[in-house]
Amino acid sequence: MDAALFWNAILTLLVSFGGWMVRSVIADIKALEKQMFECQSQMNDKFVRRDDYHDDIVRIESKLDKIFDLIEKKADK
């Protein structure tokens, strides 16, 4: 009977250690998910979408074209 008690104690320790490891890994995964969510939510604040950037560049180019036209008209006079 002592051998069965010994094996039960060893299995109990192994299962307890395995459960602790699984709980630790799950906690780390949840922390990583939280960090990724925060990073994704802040990404819109730091970066400009390509469409918005393209629209702004087109507006700037049109304004510069108007300015250059005015300069050329004054230079021709």
N, C-alpha and C. Protein backbone atom coordinates (compact mmCIF):
# COMPACT_ATOMS: atom_id res chain seq x y z
N MET A 1 0.81 -1.19 0.00
CA MET A 1 0.00 0.00 0.00
C MET A 1 0.86 1.26 0.00
N ASP A 2 2.05 1.14 0.50
CA ASP A 2 2.93 2.31 0.54
C ASP A 2 3.32 2.77 -0.86
N ALA A 3 3.47 1.84 -1.79
CA ALA A 3 3.84 2.19 -3.17
C ALA A 3 2.73 2.99 -3.84
N ALA A 4 1.48 2.59 -3.62
CA ALA A 4 0.35 3.31 -4.22
C ALA A 4 0.27 4.71 -3.65
N LEU A 5 0.49 4.86 -2.36
CA LEU A 5 0.47 6.17 -1.72
C LEU A 5 1.59 7.05 -2.27
N PHE A 6 2.75 6.45 -2.47
CA PHE A 6 3.89 7.17 -3.02
C PHE A 6 3.58 7.67 -4.44
N TRP A 7 3.05 6.80 -5.31
CA TRP A 7 2.72 7.19 -6.67
C TRP A 7 1.60 8.23 -6.71
N ASN A 8 0.63 8.12 -5.82
CA ASN A 8 -0.44 9.12 -5.76
C ASN A 8 0.12 10.48 -5.37
N ALA A 9 1.07 10.50 -4.45
CA ALA A 9 1.68 11.76 -4.03
C ALA A 9 2.47 12.37 -5.18
N ILE A 10 3.22 11.54 -5.91
CA ILE A 10 4.00 12.05 -7.03
C ILE A 10 3.07 12.58 -8.13
N LEU A 11 2.02 11.83 -8.44
CA LEU A 11 1.08 12.29 -9.46
C LEU A 11 0.38 13.57 -9.03
N THR A 12 0.05 13.68 -7.75
CA THR A 12 -0.58 14.90 -7.24
C THR A 12 0.35 16.10 -7.42
N LEU A 13 1.61 15.91 -7.12
CA LEU A 13 2.58 16.99 -7.29
C LEU A 13 2.74 17.36 -8.76
N LEU A 14 2.83 16.36 -9.64
CA LEU A 14 2.98 16.64 -11.07
C LEU A 14 1.76 17.35 -11.64
N VAL A 15 0.57 16.90 -11.27
CA VAL A 15 -0.65 17.53 -11.77
C VAL A 15 -0.77 18.95 -11.23
N SER A 16 -0.41 19.15 -9.98
CA SER A 16 -0.45 20.50 -9.40
C SER A 16 0.52 21.43 -10.12
N PHE A 17 1.71 20.95 -10.38
CA PHE A 17 2.70 21.76 -11.09
C PHE A 17 2.23 22.05 -12.51
N GLY A 18 1.68 21.05 -13.18
CA GLY A 18 1.15 21.25 -14.53
C GLY A 18 0.01 22.26 -14.55
N GLY A 19 -0.89 22.19 -13.57
CA GLY A 19 -1.98 23.15 -13.47
C GLY A 19 -1.48 24.56 -13.23
N TRP A 20 -0.46 24.69 -12.39
CA TRP A 20 0.12 26.00 -12.13
C TRP A 20 0.75 26.57 -13.40
N MET A 21 1.43 25.71 -14.17
CA MET A 21 2.06 26.15 -15.42
C MET A 21 1.00 26.60 -16.43
N VAL A 22 -0.08 25.85 -16.55
CA VAL A 22 -1.15 26.21 -17.49
C VAL A 22 -1.77 27.53 -17.09
N ARG A 23 -2.03 27.71 -15.79
CA ARG A 23 -2.60 28.97 -15.31
C ARG A 23 -1.65 30.14 -15.59
N SER A 24 -0.37 29.92 -15.42
CA SER A 24 0.62 30.97 -15.68
C SER A 24 0.65 31.33 -17.16
N VAL A 25 0.59 30.34 -18.04
CA VAL A 25 0.61 30.60 -19.47
C VAL A 25 -0.65 31.34 -19.89
N ILE A 26 -1.78 30.94 -19.35
CA ILE A 26 -3.04 31.62 -19.69
C ILE A 26 -3.01 33.07 -19.24
N ALA A 27 -2.46 33.34 -18.06
CA ALA A 27 -2.35 34.72 -17.58
C ALA A 27 -1.44 35.54 -18.49
N ASP A 28 -0.34 34.95 -18.96
CA ASP A 28 0.56 35.65 -19.87
C ASP A 28 -0.12 35.95 -21.20
N ILE A 29 -0.89 35.00 -21.70
CA ILE A 29 -1.60 35.20 -22.96
C ILE A 29 -2.61 36.33 -22.82
N LYS A 30 -3.32 36.37 -21.69
CA LYS A 30 -4.30 37.46 -21.48
C LYS A 30 -3.59 38.81 -21.40
N ALA A 31 -2.42 38.85 -20.77
CA ALA A 31 -1.67 40.11 -20.70
C ALA A 31 -1.22 40.55 -22.10
N LEU A 32 -0.78 39.60 -22.92
CA LEU A 32 -0.38 39.94 -24.29
C LEU A 32 -1.56 40.42 -25.12
N GLU A 33 -2.72 39.79 -24.94
CA GLU A 33 -3.92 40.23 -25.66
C GLU A 33 -4.29 41.66 -25.27
N LYS A 34 -4.15 41.98 -23.99
CA LYS A 34 -4.45 43.34 -23.52
C LYS A 34 -3.48 44.34 -24.15
N GLN A 35 -2.19 44.00 -24.19
CA GLN A 35 -1.20 44.89 -24.78
C GLN A 35 -1.44 45.08 -26.27
N MET A 36 -1.81 44.01 -26.97
CA MET A 36 -2.09 44.12 -28.40
C MET A 36 -3.30 45.00 -28.66
N PHE A 37 -4.34 44.88 -27.83
CA PHE A 37 -5.52 45.71 -27.98
C PHE A 37 -5.19 47.18 -27.77
N GLU A 38 -4.38 47.48 -26.75
CA GLU A 38 -3.97 48.85 -26.50
C GLU A 38 -3.15 49.40 -27.67
N CYS A 39 -2.28 48.58 -28.21
CA CYS A 39 -1.46 49.00 -29.35
C CYS A 39 -2.33 49.28 -30.56
N GLN A 40 -3.31 48.41 -30.82
CA GLN A 40 -4.19 48.61 -31.96
C GLN A 40 -5.06 49.84 -31.79
N SER A 41 -5.49 50.12 -30.56
CA SER A 41 -6.33 51.29 -30.36
C SER A 41 -5.54 52.58 -30.48
N GLN A 42 -4.25 52.55 -30.18
CA GLN A 42 -3.41 53.74 -30.30
C GLN A 42 -2.89 53.93 -31.72
N MET A 43 -2.96 52.91 -32.55
CA MET A 43 -2.39 53.00 -33.89
C MET A 43 -3.10 54.06 -34.73
N ASN A 44 -4.39 54.23 -34.56
CA ASN A 44 -5.11 55.23 -35.33
C ASN A 44 -4.68 56.65 -34.96
N ASP A 45 -4.20 56.84 -33.75
CA ASP A 45 -3.77 58.17 -33.32
C ASP A 45 -2.41 58.54 -33.90
N LYS A 46 -1.57 57.56 -34.18
CA LYS A 46 -0.20 57.84 -34.59
C LYS A 46 0.02 57.82 -36.09
N PHE A 47 -0.83 57.14 -36.83
CA PHE A 47 -0.60 56.95 -38.25
C PHE A 47 -1.75 57.52 -39.07
N VAL A 48 -1.45 57.91 -40.29
CA VAL A 48 -2.44 58.46 -41.20
C VAL A 48 -2.77 57.39 -42.23
N ARG A 49 -4.05 57.25 -42.53
CA ARG A 49 -4.44 56.30 -43.57
C ARG A 49 -3.94 56.76 -44.92
N ARG A 50 -3.69 55.84 -45.81
CA ARG A 50 -3.16 56.16 -47.13
C ARG A 50 -4.13 57.03 -47.93
N ASP A 51 -5.42 56.76 -47.84
CA ASP A 51 -6.41 57.56 -48.57
C ASP A 51 -6.40 59.02 -48.11
N ASP A 52 -6.35 59.21 -46.79
CA ASP A 52 -6.31 60.58 -46.26
C ASP A 52 -5.04 61.30 -46.70
N TYR A 53 -3.94 60.59 -46.67
CA TYR A 53 -2.66 61.18 -47.09
C TYR A 53 -2.73 61.59 -48.56
N HIS A 54 -3.25 60.72 -49.39
CA HIS A 54 -3.35 61.01 -50.83
C HIS A 54 -4.25 62.23 -51.07
N ASP A 55 -5.38 62.31 -50.38
CA ASP A 55 -6.28 63.46 -50.54
C ASP A 55 -5.59 64.76 -50.13
N ASP A 56 -4.84 64.70 -49.04
CA ASP A 56 -4.15 65.91 -48.59
C ASP A 56 -3.08 66.34 -49.59
N ILE A 57 -2.34 65.39 -50.13
CA ILE A 57 -1.30 65.73 -51.11
C ILE A 57 -1.93 66.35 -52.35
N VAL A 58 -3.07 65.84 -52.80
CA VAL A 58 -3.74 66.41 -53.97
C VAL A 58 -4.16 67.85 -53.69
N ARG A 59 -4.68 68.10 -52.49
CA ARG A 59 -5.07 69.47 -52.13
C ARG A 59 -3.86 70.41 -52.09
N ILE A 60 -2.77 69.94 -51.54
CA ILE A 60 -1.56 70.76 -51.45
C ILE A 60 -1.02 71.05 -52.85
N GLU A 61 -1.00 70.04 -53.70
CA GLU A 61 -0.51 70.26 -55.07
C GLU A 61 -1.37 71.26 -55.83
N SER A 62 -2.68 71.18 -55.65
CA SER A 62 -3.55 72.13 -56.35
C SER A 62 -3.31 73.55 -55.84
N LYS A 63 -3.11 73.71 -54.55
CA LYS A 63 -2.83 75.05 -54.01
C LYS A 63 -1.48 75.56 -54.51
N LEU A 64 -0.49 74.70 -54.58
CA LEU A 64 0.81 75.11 -55.10
C LEU A 64 0.72 75.49 -56.57
N ASP A 65 -0.07 74.75 -57.33
CA ASP A 65 -0.26 75.11 -58.74
C ASP A 65 -0.87 76.50 -58.88
N LYS A 66 -1.83 76.82 -58.03
CA LYS A 66 -2.45 78.15 -58.07
C LYS A 66 -1.41 79.23 -57.73
N ILE A 67 -0.60 78.95 -56.73
CA ILE A 67 0.43 79.92 -56.35
C ILE A 67 1.43 80.12 -57.48
N PHE A 68 1.87 79.05 -58.10
CA PHE A 68 2.82 79.16 -59.21
C PHE A 68 2.21 79.91 -60.39
N ASP A 69 0.93 79.69 -60.65
CA ASP A 69 0.26 80.43 -61.72
C ASP A 69 0.25 81.93 -61.42
N LEU A 70 -0.03 82.28 -60.18
CA LEU A 70 -0.02 83.70 -59.80
C LEU A 70 1.38 84.29 -59.95
N ILE A 71 2.38 83.54 -59.55
CA ILE A 71 3.75 84.02 -59.66
C ILE A 71 4.13 84.23 -61.13
N GLU A 72 3.76 83.28 -62.00
CA GLU A 72 4.06 83.39 -63.42
C GLU A 72 3.34 84.60 -64.05
N LYS A 73 2.12 84.86 -63.63
CA LYS A 73 1.38 86.02 -64.17
C LYS A 73 2.07 87.31 -63.77
N LYS A 74 2.54 87.40 -62.54
CA LYS A 74 3.23 88.61 -62.10
C LYS A 74 4.59 88.74 -62.78
N ALA A 75 5.24 87.62 -63.05
CA ALA A 75 6.55 87.66 -63.72
C ALA A 75 6.40 88.08 -65.18
N ASP A 76 5.28 87.73 -65.81
CA ASP A 76 5.06 88.09 -67.22
C ASP A 76 4.77 89.57 -67.38
N LYS A 77 4.29 90.24 -66.38
CA LYS A 77 3.93 91.66 -66.48
C LYS A 77 5.11 92.51 -66.54
